[in-house]
Amino acid sequence: MYLTKMKRLFGLNNPWPDAFLKSDCADDLGLVDSLVAQTKTPSLECFLASRNGSEVEIDFATRMLQIDPTKRWTAEQLLSHRWVTS
């Protein structure tokens, strides 16, 4: 259930990160993908836009909430983001 929500919210069109593919749950990822296709949970961008999030807020959130840890920004990078510094 949680993997389905994570995939839908943070990376519907992105492939699963290697860390997930090498984990104990790797056999369940195909099922998760099929469940995601059937859900109506909005993507993170759509959710934030529906709440009148600005472009800079959406950019900050999507960089912070990446499903793939190799693409997720570090705390140091996030602190230098224009949403924080402006």
Protein backbone atom coordinates (compact mmCIF):
# COMPACT_ATOMS: atom_id res chain seq x y z
CA MET A 1 0.00 0.00 0.00
CA TYR A 2 2.74 2.48 0.96
CA LEU A 3 4.87 1.65 -2.07
CA THR A 4 1.84 2.31 -4.26
CA LYS A 5 1.32 5.73 -2.70
CA MET A 6 5.02 6.58 -2.94
CA LYS A 7 5.25 5.57 -6.58
CA ARG A 8 2.12 7.51 -7.53
CA LEU A 9 3.04 10.63 -5.59
CA PHE A 10 6.77 10.80 -6.23
CA GLY A 11 7.54 9.02 -9.46
CA LEU A 12 4.76 7.55 -11.53
CA ASN A 13 6.68 7.83 -14.79
CA ASN A 14 10.10 7.08 -13.33
CA PRO A 15 11.66 3.63 -13.18
CA TRP A 16 12.17 2.05 -9.79
CA PRO A 17 15.51 2.98 -8.19
CA ASP A 18 18.17 0.26 -7.98
CA ALA A 19 17.81 0.21 -4.19
CA PHE A 20 14.21 -0.95 -4.60
CA LEU A 21 15.02 -3.45 -7.34
CA LYS A 22 17.64 -5.11 -5.13
CA SER A 23 15.44 -5.18 -2.00
CA ASP A 24 13.22 -7.87 -0.54
CA CYS A 25 10.18 -6.19 -2.10
CA ALA A 26 11.48 -6.40 -5.69
CA ASP A 27 8.97 -9.13 -6.58
CA ASP A 28 6.09 -6.86 -5.59
CA LEU A 29 7.06 -3.87 -7.76
CA GLY A 30 5.14 -5.08 -10.82
CA LEU A 31 2.02 -5.40 -8.68
CA VAL A 32 2.61 -1.91 -7.30
CA ASP A 33 2.90 -0.51 -10.83
CA SER A 34 -0.41 -2.10 -11.83
CA LEU A 35 -2.10 -0.77 -8.68
CA VAL A 36 -0.73 2.70 -9.33
CA ALA A 37 -2.24 2.66 -12.80
CA GLN A 38 -5.65 2.04 -11.21
CA THR A 39 -5.47 4.70 -8.47
CA LYS A 40 -6.61 8.28 -8.67
CA THR A 41 -4.02 9.77 -6.32
CA PRO A 42 -2.72 13.00 -7.87
CA SER A 43 0.96 13.44 -8.57
CA LEU A 44 2.91 15.68 -6.23
CA GLU A 45 3.01 18.47 -8.81
CA CYS A 46 -0.75 18.31 -9.39
CA PHE A 47 -1.47 18.17 -5.67
CA LEU A 48 0.66 21.23 -4.92
CA ALA A 49 -0.68 23.13 -7.93
CA SER A 50 -4.24 22.47 -6.75
CA ARG A 51 -3.26 24.06 -3.43
CA ASN A 52 -2.01 27.15 -5.29
CA GLY A 53 1.64 26.25 -4.78
CA SER A 54 4.02 28.52 -6.64
CA GLU A 55 6.45 27.17 -9.22
CA VAL A 56 9.36 27.63 -6.81
CA GLU A 57 7.53 25.76 -4.02
CA ILE A 58 6.69 22.89 -6.34
CA ASP A 59 10.31 22.73 -7.53
CA PHE A 60 11.57 22.62 -3.92
CA ALA A 61 9.14 19.88 -2.90
CA THR A 62 9.83 17.69 -5.93
CA ARG A 63 13.60 17.93 -5.40
CA MET A 64 13.16 17.01 -1.74
CA LEU A 65 10.66 14.17 -2.26
CA GLN A 66 12.30 12.01 -4.91
CA ILE A 67 11.67 8.26 -4.68
CA ASP A 68 15.18 7.60 -5.99
CA PRO A 69 17.72 8.49 -3.29
CA THR A 70 20.37 9.24 -5.91
CA LYS A 71 18.17 12.00 -7.35
CA ARG A 72 16.94 13.35 -4.01
CA TRP A 73 18.58 16.61 -2.97
CA THR A 74 20.64 16.69 0.23
CA ALA A 75 19.79 18.99 3.12
CA GLU A 76 22.67 21.26 2.10
CA GLN A 77 21.37 21.51 -1.47
CA LEU A 78 17.83 22.19 -0.23
CA LEU A 79 19.06 24.95 2.06
CA SER A 80 20.56 26.68 -0.96
CA HIS A 81 17.35 26.44 -3.00
CA ARG A 82 15.83 29.75 -4.06
CA TRP A 83 12.62 29.00 -2.10
CA VAL A 84 14.64 28.96 1.13
CA THR A 85 17.05 31.76 0.29
CA SER A 86 14.54 34.29 -1.04
